[in-house]
Amino acid sequence: MSTWLNATRRARELDALASGRVDVLVVGGGVTGCGVALDAASRGLSVALVEKDDLAFGTSRWSSKMVHGGLRYLATGDFAVAMESARERGVLMTRTAPHLVRALPMIVPHSADVTARDGLLVEAGHRTADVLRLVARTPRAVLPRPRRIGVAETTRLLPGVRREGLRGASLNWDGHLEDDARLVVAIARTAAGLGASVLTRVRYEDGVLTDLLTGRSLVPQAKTVVNATGAWADQITPGTKLRPSKGVHVVLSAASLGGPTAGMTVPVPGEPNRYVFALPHPDGIVHVGLTDDPLDGPLPEVPRAEEHEITFLLETLSRGLERPLDRSDVLGSFAGVRPLIAGEQGRTADLSRRHSVVLENGLLTVLGGKLTTYRKMAQDAVDLLTAVPCRTRDLPLVGAPTGPSGRLGRRYGCEAAEVAALAAGRPELLRPIVDGVPVLGVELLWGLKAEGALDAADLLERRTRLSLVDAWAEAAAPAVEALVQDGYAQA
């Protein structure tokens, strides 16, 4: 079956759902819901996934774009989560999504405010994390050995690092996502290729589905409903105990940090096991994060970064830079909600990232967890529904294993040539949609034809991530709107 998602397929499969029955109805189109849909479909169950907005609309697109191997959880003593993270990172990097997850060197500079003892503790953590890599059977060729580097290599990898008092750095390697939303779309399309219906703009409420594009309602016939709505799980499963937290990032130009080729980590003063990091992206930008604070009251659909949160990130990162940052360096910002499980006290930054799966009266609720471990969360959920063994550990996502060099190769893997072919007779589609932005016209058309985008916002905010840089989104919006109309005519 085709993996393509588009408006035509959506209408057809919504009609089929109205008159048929499925084994599993998944509510929520983030990484958890799409992971459950893929796992269930791969075991032969009939599956429909519904999402009231778009794929990766909520928490999944606001991550740090990292596939962590568990180093942070070692520091808090949560060895089970650390080991699970290392295993799942290895699965993504070597089997399921090597086209979307690549090794990134991560550097902790040994600056004047990092004592010799602190440096030794960092290196001990890196060595322990490397043991997890070994146990997880991730090859050294995929994630190189951690090591101590000198001043010259530190400044080569981090040209903007503060020189005063610099004694070198600790370097280790971790998994870096091309884009979190792209991962979610790849999972959803892989599920669709195995027969799952993936339906966006469809709301689930009290057992009724409503097509938000037409207003049509239907009552689905499903053996099991899976609540995979993350931080909003209590809207479907009353009594769910969550303690959501908010994480904020800012986006900078890579030039403002001298063009780094490694991630930079700076300790937060006075707070053990808390850091701010700067992660370079091939598009010439850097993602800087992360805040982690409790989020009380009603959850916003799209959280916003507050000025004091942006200031905290800039000031903390500036402690490690030769040139301090200011507000004018910020190109954009984003914030997300983490669905942490309640029941523990202390900082939300210290809460466990373990997940929980509960099946009761035909409603299966998946709680907690993290992007890196989405596949294991889905496996644990579907294990409660069937005795058929899980297949997803060795099931490549669309685009895997890898693609040619260049922008299309790193974003679409082995589908790059198929994406480029959309420019046949229209060579302008192989150029940036407007001057000054990195996205090509064929990427937008592919989003409409194959990736389930239904409007310009889907393209700007989740298929291309142009919205992460305010100036890019503003410049590209008119051209994207025009291409949406043209693209629908051709889909």
Protein backbone atom coordinates (compact mmCIF):
# COMPACT_ATOMS: atom_id res chain seq x y z
CA MET A 1 0.00 0.00 0.00
CA SER A 2 1.20 3.55 -0.72
CA THR A 3 2.75 5.55 2.11
CA TRP A 4 1.49 8.81 0.64
CA LEU A 5 -0.81 10.92 2.80
CA ASN A 6 -2.87 13.67 1.17
CA ALA A 7 -6.32 15.23 1.06
CA THR A 8 -7.66 12.66 -1.40
CA ARG A 9 -6.63 9.68 0.73
CA ARG A 10 -7.95 11.37 3.86
CA ALA A 11 -11.45 11.75 2.38
CA ARG A 12 -11.51 8.15 1.16
CA GLU A 13 -10.38 6.66 4.47
CA LEU A 14 -12.72 8.82 6.52
CA ASP A 15 -15.61 7.42 4.48
CA ALA A 16 -14.35 3.88 5.10
CA LEU A 17 -14.09 4.49 8.85
CA ALA A 18 -17.70 5.66 8.94
CA SER A 19 -18.94 2.33 7.61
CA GLY A 20 -16.39 -0.11 8.96
CA ARG A 21 -14.72 -1.33 12.14
CA VAL A 22 -11.11 -1.18 13.33
CA ASP A 23 -9.19 -3.07 15.98
CA VAL A 24 -7.45 0.05 17.24
CA LEU A 25 -8.46 3.71 17.17
CA VAL A 26 -5.53 5.92 18.18
CA VAL A 27 -6.29 9.45 19.37
CA GLY A 28 -3.30 11.77 19.04
CA GLY A 29 -0.95 12.39 16.12
CA GLY A 30 2.30 13.03 17.98
CA VAL A 31 5.26 10.68 18.13
CA THR A 32 3.53 8.42 20.68
CA GLY A 33 0.28 8.05 18.77
CA CYS A 34 2.00 7.55 15.43
CA GLY A 35 4.33 5.03 17.07
CA VAL A 36 1.36 3.06 18.42
CA ALA A 37 -0.36 3.16 15.02
CA LEU A 38 2.77 1.85 13.32
CA ASP A 39 3.36 -0.90 15.86
CA ALA A 40 -0.25 -2.08 15.75
CA ALA A 41 -0.44 -2.01 11.95
CA SER A 42 2.85 -3.90 11.67
CA ARG A 43 1.37 -6.71 13.80
CA GLY A 44 -1.62 -7.09 11.50
CA LEU A 45 -4.21 -5.09 13.45
CA SER A 46 -6.55 -2.72 11.62
CA VAL A 47 -5.79 0.83 12.74
CA ALA A 48 -7.14 4.34 12.41
CA LEU A 49 -5.36 7.35 13.91
CA VAL A 50 -7.19 10.64 14.42
CA GLU A 51 -5.67 14.01 15.30
CA LYS A 52 -7.69 17.18 15.77
CA ASP A 53 -4.94 19.40 14.40
CA ASP A 54 -1.95 18.21 12.36
CA LEU A 55 0.72 15.56 12.76
CA ALA A 56 3.30 16.66 15.36
CA PHE A 57 1.11 19.63 16.31
CA GLY A 58 1.74 19.38 20.07
CA THR A 59 4.72 18.36 22.17
CA SER A 60 6.53 16.34 19.50
CA ARG A 61 7.61 19.31 17.37
CA TRP A 62 8.96 21.34 20.29
CA SER A 63 11.77 19.01 21.36
CA SER A 64 15.47 19.87 21.43
CA LYS A 65 15.92 17.85 18.22
CA MET A 66 18.09 15.36 20.13
CA VAL A 67 17.85 11.59 20.47
CA HIS A 68 19.48 11.35 23.88
CA GLY A 69 21.39 8.29 24.97
CA GLY A 70 20.59 8.64 28.66
CA LEU A 71 23.50 10.69 30.05
CA ARG A 72 21.20 13.02 31.96
CA TYR A 73 19.31 10.13 33.53
CA LEU A 74 22.54 8.54 34.72
CA ALA A 75 23.22 11.72 36.70
CA THR A 76 19.87 11.39 38.50
CA GLY A 77 20.32 7.66 39.13
CA ASP A 78 17.53 6.59 36.77
CA PHE A 79 19.52 3.77 35.19
CA ALA A 80 16.48 2.02 33.71
CA VAL A 81 15.51 5.08 31.63
CA ALA A 82 19.17 5.68 30.74
CA MET A 83 19.55 2.14 29.41
CA GLU A 84 16.25 2.26 27.55
CA SER A 85 17.26 5.58 25.99
CA ALA A 86 20.61 4.20 24.86
CA ARG A 87 18.97 1.15 23.27
CA GLU A 88 16.31 3.18 21.47
CA ARG A 89 18.87 5.73 20.26
CA GLY A 90 20.80 2.85 18.73
CA VAL A 91 17.67 1.51 17.03
CA LEU A 92 16.96 4.89 15.44
CA MET A 93 20.55 5.50 14.34
CA THR A 94 21.29 2.06 12.93
CA ARG A 95 17.98 0.52 11.81
CA THR A 96 14.84 2.61 11.65
CA ALA A 97 15.85 6.22 10.89
CA PRO A 98 19.56 6.64 10.11
CA HIS A 99 18.58 9.21 7.47
CA LEU A 100 17.08 11.47 10.15
CA VAL A 101 19.34 10.88 13.18
CA ARG A 102 23.07 11.56 13.01
CA ALA A 103 25.92 11.72 15.48
CA LEU A 104 26.69 15.18 16.89
CA PRO A 105 29.76 15.98 19.01
CA MET A 106 28.70 17.53 22.32
CA ILE A 107 31.23 19.65 24.17
CA VAL A 108 31.45 20.79 27.79
CA PRO A 109 34.17 23.48 27.85
CA HIS A 110 36.49 23.40 30.87
CA SER A 111 36.28 27.11 31.53
CA ALA A 112 37.26 29.16 34.57
CA ASP A 113 34.00 28.38 36.39
CA VAL A 114 34.31 24.61 35.81
CA THR A 115 36.55 23.20 38.54
CA ALA A 116 38.94 20.31 37.94
CA ARG A 117 36.64 18.14 40.06
CA ASP A 118 33.64 19.11 37.95
CA GLY A 119 35.58 18.26 34.81
CA LEU A 120 36.43 14.81 36.17
CA LEU A 121 32.77 14.19 37.04
CA VAL A 122 31.71 15.15 33.50
CA GLU A 123 34.24 12.78 31.99
CA ALA A 124 33.20 9.98 34.34
CA GLY A 125 29.61 10.49 33.17
CA HIS A 126 30.72 10.36 29.54
CA ARG A 127 32.60 7.10 30.12
CA THR A 128 29.57 5.56 31.83
CA ALA A 129 27.35 6.69 28.96
CA ASP A 130 29.77 5.02 26.57
CA VAL A 131 29.31 1.77 28.49
CA LEU A 132 25.57 2.13 27.85
CA ARG A 133 26.36 2.59 24.16
CA LEU A 134 28.36 -0.63 24.25
CA VAL A 135 25.61 -2.57 26.06
CA ALA A 136 23.07 -1.18 23.57
CA ARG A 137 25.31 -2.50 20.76
CA THR A 138 25.54 0.82 18.94
CA PRO A 139 28.71 0.59 16.82
CA ARG A 140 31.68 2.85 17.49
CA ALA A 141 31.48 3.90 13.84
CA VAL A 142 28.07 5.42 14.61
CA LEU A 143 28.94 7.04 17.96
CA PRO A 144 32.69 7.63 18.47
CA ARG A 145 34.49 7.37 21.78
CA PRO A 146 34.23 10.26 24.29
CA ARG A 147 37.52 12.01 25.01
CA ARG A 148 39.24 15.06 26.43
CA ILE A 149 40.24 17.67 23.86
CA GLY A 150 42.63 20.58 24.04
CA VAL A 151 42.09 24.30 23.65
CA ALA A 152 42.89 24.34 19.93
CA GLU A 153 40.33 21.66 19.06
CA THR A 154 37.75 23.21 21.37
CA THR A 155 38.02 26.59 19.65
CA ARG A 156 37.95 24.96 16.21
CA LEU A 157 34.67 23.19 16.97
CA LEU A 158 33.25 26.10 19.00
CA PRO A 159 34.68 29.31 17.50
CA GLY A 160 32.56 31.48 19.80
CA VAL A 161 33.69 29.86 23.06
CA ARG A 162 35.09 32.08 25.77
CA ARG A 163 38.90 31.92 25.73
CA GLU A 164 39.66 33.32 29.16
CA GLY A 165 40.53 30.50 31.54
CA LEU A 166 39.75 27.80 28.93
CA ARG A 167 41.63 24.55 29.66
CA GLY A 168 40.15 22.37 26.91
CA ALA A 169 36.90 20.45 27.01
CA SER A 170 35.14 17.11 27.43
CA LEU A 171 33.68 15.74 24.20
CA ASN A 172 31.11 13.01 23.77
CA TRP A 173 28.66 12.09 21.03
CA ASP A 174 24.88 11.84 20.92
CA GLY A 175 22.07 11.49 18.38
CA HIS A 176 20.89 14.65 16.62
CA LEU A 177 17.58 14.77 14.74
CA GLU A 178 17.30 16.50 11.42
CA ASP A 179 13.84 17.50 12.62
CA ASP A 180 11.44 16.07 15.20
CA ALA A 181 8.32 16.80 13.14
CA ARG A 182 9.88 14.99 10.16
CA LEU A 183 10.37 11.93 12.36
CA VAL A 184 6.67 11.96 13.32
CA VAL A 185 5.58 12.28 9.68
CA ALA A 186 7.90 9.42 8.69
CA ILE A 187 6.40 7.19 11.39
CA ALA A 188 2.85 8.09 10.30
CA ARG A 189 3.59 7.42 6.63
CA THR A 190 5.22 4.09 7.45
CA ALA A 191 2.07 3.13 9.36
CA ALA A 192 -0.05 4.22 6.40
CA GLY A 193 2.00 1.99 4.14
CA LEU A 194 1.02 -0.94 6.34
CA GLY A 195 -2.68 -0.10 6.05
CA ALA A 196 -3.29 2.36 8.88
CA SER A 197 -5.64 5.28 8.26
CA VAL A 198 -4.04 8.56 9.36
CA LEU A 199 -6.67 11.29 9.64
CA THR A 200 -5.84 14.84 10.70
CA ARG A 201 -8.36 17.59 11.48
CA VAL A 202 -10.60 14.96 13.10
CA ARG A 203 -11.65 15.51 16.73
CA TYR A 204 -12.47 12.69 19.15
CA GLU A 205 -14.87 13.55 21.95
CA ASP A 206 -17.02 11.21 24.04
CA GLY A 207 -16.78 8.44 21.47
CA VAL A 208 -17.73 10.64 18.53
CA LEU A 209 -15.46 11.75 15.67
CA THR A 210 -15.99 15.10 13.98
CA ASP A 211 -14.38 16.05 10.68
CA LEU A 212 -13.32 19.61 11.43
CA LEU A 213 -13.11 20.46 7.72
CA THR A 214 -16.74 19.61 6.93
CA GLY A 215 -18.48 19.35 10.31
CA ARG A 216 -19.50 15.76 9.59
CA SER A 217 -19.76 13.47 12.64
CA LEU A 218 -19.52 9.70 12.95
CA VAL A 219 -19.33 7.09 15.69
CA PRO A 220 -16.34 4.80 15.08
CA GLN A 221 -16.55 1.08 15.74
CA ALA A 222 -13.30 0.20 17.50
CA LYS A 223 -12.30 -2.69 19.73
CA THR A 224 -9.78 -0.53 21.61
CA VAL A 225 -9.28 3.24 21.83
CA VAL A 226 -5.74 4.41 22.57
CA ASN A 227 -5.38 7.74 24.33
CA ALA A 228 -2.04 9.09 23.08
CA THR A 229 -2.71 12.78 23.67
CA GLY A 230 0.20 13.31 26.03
CA ALA A 231 -0.14 16.25 28.37
CA TRP A 232 -3.83 16.50 27.44
CA ALA A 233 -4.59 12.85 28.33
CA ASP A 234 -6.95 13.76 31.17
CA GLN A 235 -9.44 15.17 28.65
CA ILE A 236 -10.11 11.60 27.47
CA THR A 237 -9.11 9.63 30.57
CA PRO A 238 -10.46 11.56 33.60
CA GLY A 239 -8.43 11.18 36.74
CA THR A 240 -5.12 10.95 34.89
CA LYS A 241 -2.39 12.40 37.08
CA LEU A 242 0.11 14.46 35.15
CA ARG A 243 2.54 17.16 36.15
CA PRO A 244 3.28 18.97 32.89
CA SER A 245 6.30 21.19 32.51
CA LYS A 246 7.26 23.81 29.96
CA GLY A 247 10.47 23.81 27.97
CA VAL A 248 11.59 26.89 26.02
CA HIS A 249 14.17 27.23 23.23
CA VAL A 250 15.46 30.17 21.25
CA VAL A 251 16.81 30.13 17.70
CA LEU A 252 19.99 32.01 16.84
CA SER A 253 22.02 32.47 13.69
CA ALA A 254 24.99 30.11 13.66
CA ALA A 255 27.09 33.15 12.73
CA SER A 256 26.34 34.73 16.12
CA LEU A 257 28.30 31.84 17.70
CA GLY A 258 31.04 31.83 15.08
CA GLY A 259 29.63 28.91 13.11
CA PRO A 260 29.92 26.00 15.56
CA THR A 261 30.18 22.42 14.29
CA ALA A 262 29.49 20.83 17.68
CA GLY A 263 26.91 21.23 20.41
CA MET A 264 27.96 23.39 23.34
CA THR A 265 26.91 22.72 26.95
CA VAL A 266 27.05 25.33 29.71
CA PRO A 267 26.17 24.53 33.36
CA VAL A 268 23.42 26.55 35.02
CA PRO A 269 25.04 28.23 38.04
CA GLY A 270 23.95 26.83 41.38
CA GLU A 271 21.76 24.05 39.91
CA PRO A 272 23.31 20.56 39.73
CA ASN A 273 22.61 18.48 36.64
CA ARG A 274 21.07 21.38 34.76
CA TYR A 275 22.56 22.83 31.61
CA VAL A 276 21.87 25.14 28.70
CA PHE A 277 23.04 23.86 25.34
CA ALA A 278 23.45 25.25 21.83
CA LEU A 279 22.85 22.78 18.98
CA PRO A 280 23.90 23.69 15.43
CA HIS A 281 21.64 22.81 12.52
CA PRO A 282 22.69 22.52 8.86
CA ASP A 283 20.32 25.35 7.87
CA GLY A 284 22.68 27.88 9.47
CA ILE A 285 20.81 28.21 12.75
CA VAL A 286 21.37 27.09 16.34
CA HIS A 287 18.73 25.83 18.78
CA VAL A 288 19.40 26.97 22.35
CA GLY A 289 17.62 25.42 25.33
CA LEU A 290 16.32 24.42 27.73
CA THR A 291 14.09 25.71 30.47
CA ASP A 292 12.13 23.19 32.53
CA ASP A 293 9.49 24.68 34.80
CA PRO A 294 6.10 23.53 36.11
CA LEU A 295 3.11 24.55 34.02
CA ASP A 296 0.06 25.15 36.16
CA GLY A 297 -3.53 25.78 35.12
CA PRO A 298 -5.14 25.06 31.73
CA LEU A 299 -2.61 23.95 29.12
CA PRO A 300 -2.22 26.20 26.09
CA GLU A 301 -2.55 24.61 22.67
CA VAL A 302 0.68 26.33 21.60
CA PRO A 303 2.84 27.55 24.51
CA ARG A 304 4.85 30.74 24.05
CA ALA A 305 8.29 31.69 25.27
CA GLU A 306 8.17 34.50 27.82
CA GLU A 307 10.78 37.25 27.84
CA HIS A 308 12.25 36.19 31.20
CA GLU A 309 12.72 32.65 29.83
CA ILE A 310 14.50 33.96 26.74
CA THR A 311 16.70 36.15 28.94
CA PHE A 312 17.63 33.18 31.12
CA LEU A 313 18.78 31.15 28.11
CA LEU A 314 20.78 34.01 26.61
CA GLU A 315 22.46 34.95 29.87
CA THR A 316 23.36 31.37 30.79
CA LEU A 317 24.79 30.53 27.37
CA SER A 318 26.69 33.83 27.33
CA ARG A 319 28.68 32.67 30.35
CA GLY A 320 30.53 30.36 28.00
CA LEU A 321 30.90 32.73 25.04
CA GLU A 322 33.52 35.26 24.01
CA ARG A 323 30.78 37.69 22.91
CA PRO A 324 27.71 37.87 25.17
CA LEU A 325 24.37 37.47 23.43
CA ASP A 326 21.50 39.94 23.58
CA ARG A 327 17.87 40.00 22.49
CA SER A 328 18.76 41.19 18.97
CA ASP A 329 20.52 37.87 18.34
CA VAL A 330 17.25 35.92 18.64
CA LEU A 331 15.73 34.88 15.30
CA GLY A 332 12.81 32.99 16.85
CA SER A 333 11.68 31.01 19.85
CA PHE A 334 9.49 28.02 20.67
CA ALA A 335 8.07 26.29 23.71
CA GLY A 336 6.58 22.88 24.40
CA VAL A 337 4.82 20.93 27.14
CA ARG A 338 6.26 17.71 28.60
CA PRO A 339 3.69 15.12 29.77
CA LEU A 340 5.45 14.15 33.02
CA ILE A 341 3.73 11.65 35.30
CA ALA A 342 2.68 13.10 38.67
CA GLY A 343 3.42 11.54 42.02
CA GLU A 344 6.89 12.86 42.75
CA GLN A 345 8.03 16.06 44.41
CA GLY A 346 10.84 18.41 43.47
CA ARG A 347 11.82 20.18 40.27
CA THR A 348 10.13 19.05 37.08
CA ALA A 349 13.64 18.92 35.61
CA ASP A 350 14.36 16.05 38.02
CA LEU A 351 11.19 14.01 37.40
CA SER A 352 11.55 10.60 35.80
CA ARG A 353 10.90 10.27 32.07
CA ARG A 354 9.49 6.76 32.51
CA HIS A 355 6.26 5.90 30.76
CA SER A 356 3.09 4.18 31.88
CA VAL A 357 0.55 2.15 29.91
CA VAL A 358 -2.89 1.45 31.38
CA LEU A 359 -5.66 -0.61 29.74
CA GLU A 360 -9.13 -0.43 31.29
CA ASN A 361 -12.53 -1.16 29.73
CA GLY A 362 -11.28 -0.90 26.17
CA LEU A 363 -9.43 2.39 26.74
CA LEU A 364 -5.65 2.22 26.66
CA THR A 365 -3.85 5.31 27.97
CA VAL A 366 -0.15 5.95 27.31
CA LEU A 367 1.50 8.44 29.67
CA GLY A 368 4.91 10.01 30.18
CA GLY A 369 7.99 8.96 28.26
CA LYS A 370 10.12 10.93 25.84
CA LEU A 371 10.69 11.24 22.11
CA THR A 372 13.73 8.95 22.10
CA THR A 373 11.79 6.06 23.60
CA TYR A 374 8.59 6.43 21.57
CA ARG A 375 9.05 3.02 19.90
CA LYS A 376 9.35 1.16 23.22
CA MET A 377 6.32 3.00 24.59
CA ALA A 378 4.32 1.89 21.55
CA GLN A 379 5.57 -1.68 21.89
CA ASP A 380 4.50 -1.84 25.53
CA ALA A 381 1.07 -0.50 24.61
CA VAL A 382 0.40 -2.88 21.73
CA ASP A 383 1.72 -5.84 23.74
CA LEU A 384 -1.47 -5.47 25.78
CA LEU A 385 -3.60 -5.86 22.65
CA THR A 386 -2.09 -8.82 20.82
CA ALA A 387 0.25 -11.77 21.30
CA VAL A 388 1.84 -11.20 17.88
CA PRO A 389 5.50 -10.24 18.41
CA CYS A 390 6.64 -6.65 17.89
CA ARG A 391 8.32 -5.90 14.55
CA THR A 392 9.26 -2.24 14.83
CA ARG A 393 12.77 -2.68 16.22
CA ASP A 394 13.95 -3.67 12.73
CA LEU A 395 11.33 -1.91 10.59
CA PRO A 396 12.86 1.02 8.63
CA LEU A 397 10.83 4.21 8.37
CA VAL A 398 10.12 5.72 4.96
CA GLY A 399 13.29 7.30 3.60
CA ALA A 400 15.64 4.87 5.34
CA PRO A 401 18.39 3.90 5.21
CA THR A 402 20.11 7.02 3.85
CA GLY A 403 20.04 9.36 0.88
CA PRO A 404 22.46 11.33 -1.27
CA SER A 405 24.42 14.24 0.13
CA GLY A 406 22.77 17.64 0.16
CA ARG A 407 19.61 19.13 1.58
CA LEU A 408 17.09 16.71 0.07
CA GLY A 409 19.17 13.68 1.01
CA ARG A 410 19.45 14.60 4.66
CA ARG A 411 15.74 15.43 4.97
CA TYR A 412 14.15 12.75 2.77
CA GLY A 413 16.74 9.98 2.70
CA CYS A 414 16.32 7.56 -0.19
CA GLU A 415 13.14 9.39 -1.28
CA ALA A 416 15.21 12.46 -2.27
CA ALA A 417 15.16 11.61 -5.98
CA GLU A 418 11.39 11.16 -5.88
CA VAL A 419 11.01 14.55 -4.21
CA ALA A 420 13.28 16.20 -6.78
CA ALA A 421 11.30 14.58 -9.61
CA LEU A 422 8.33 16.78 -8.72
CA ALA A 423 10.23 19.60 -10.41
CA ALA A 424 9.94 17.96 -13.85
CA GLY A 425 8.99 20.74 -16.22
CA ARG A 426 9.16 23.27 -13.37
CA PRO A 427 12.86 23.81 -12.56
CA GLU A 428 12.03 26.74 -10.31
CA LEU A 429 10.78 24.22 -7.73
CA LEU A 430 14.39 23.13 -7.14
CA ARG A 431 15.24 26.62 -5.93
CA PRO A 432 14.42 28.20 -2.54
CA ILE A 433 10.79 29.20 -2.35
CA VAL A 434 11.95 32.80 -1.78
CA ASP A 435 15.38 34.37 -1.47
CA GLY A 436 16.97 34.06 1.95
CA VAL A 437 15.23 30.86 3.11
CA PRO A 438 16.61 27.31 2.79
CA VAL A 439 13.42 25.46 1.78
CA LEU A 440 12.95 24.38 -1.84
CA GLY A 441 9.68 24.48 -3.72
CA VAL A 442 9.62 20.70 -4.20
CA GLU A 443 9.63 20.21 -0.42
CA LEU A 444 6.37 22.10 -0.13
CA LEU A 445 4.77 20.23 -3.00
CA TRP A 446 5.90 16.90 -1.50
CA GLY A 447 4.35 17.94 1.80
CA LEU A 448 0.98 18.26 0.06
CA LYS A 449 1.23 15.19 -2.14
CA ALA A 450 2.84 12.69 0.23
CA GLU A 451 3.05 13.98 3.81
CA GLY A 452 -0.53 14.89 4.67
CA ALA A 453 -0.20 18.69 4.75
CA LEU A 454 -3.58 20.32 4.22
CA ASP A 455 -2.79 24.03 4.36
CA ALA A 456 0.01 26.59 4.45
CA ALA A 457 0.37 26.41 8.23
CA ASP A 458 1.06 22.67 8.02
CA LEU A 459 3.86 23.41 5.56
CA LEU A 460 5.36 26.41 7.32
CA GLU A 461 5.16 25.06 10.85
CA ARG A 462 5.58 21.28 10.64
CA ARG A 463 6.78 20.01 7.23
CA THR A 464 9.55 22.58 6.73
CA ARG A 465 9.88 24.36 10.12
CA LEU A 466 10.22 27.75 8.43
CA SER A 467 8.15 29.13 11.30
CA LEU A 468 11.06 28.60 13.74
CA VAL A 469 12.69 31.71 12.25
CA ASP A 470 10.29 34.63 12.25
CA ALA A 471 11.80 36.34 9.21
CA TRP A 472 11.74 33.13 7.15
CA ALA A 473 8.07 32.52 7.87
CA GLU A 474 7.09 36.10 7.07
CA ALA A 475 9.01 36.12 3.79
CA ALA A 476 7.81 32.71 2.63
CA ALA A 477 4.14 32.85 3.65
CA PRO A 478 2.71 34.41 0.44
CA ALA A 479 4.61 32.01 -1.83
CA VAL A 480 3.59 29.03 0.30
CA GLU A 481 -0.07 30.07 0.18
CA ALA A 482 0.14 30.29 -3.61
CA LEU A 483 1.80 26.90 -3.92
CA VAL A 484 -0.85 25.31 -1.71
CA GLN A 485 -3.52 26.29 -4.20
CA ASP A 486 -1.44 25.11 -7.15
CA GLY A 487 -0.40 21.94 -5.30
CA TYR A 488 -3.96 20.89 -4.55
CA ALA A 489 -4.81 21.24 -8.21
CA GLN A 490 -2.04 18.75 -9.04
CA ALA A 491 -2.43 16.33 -6.11
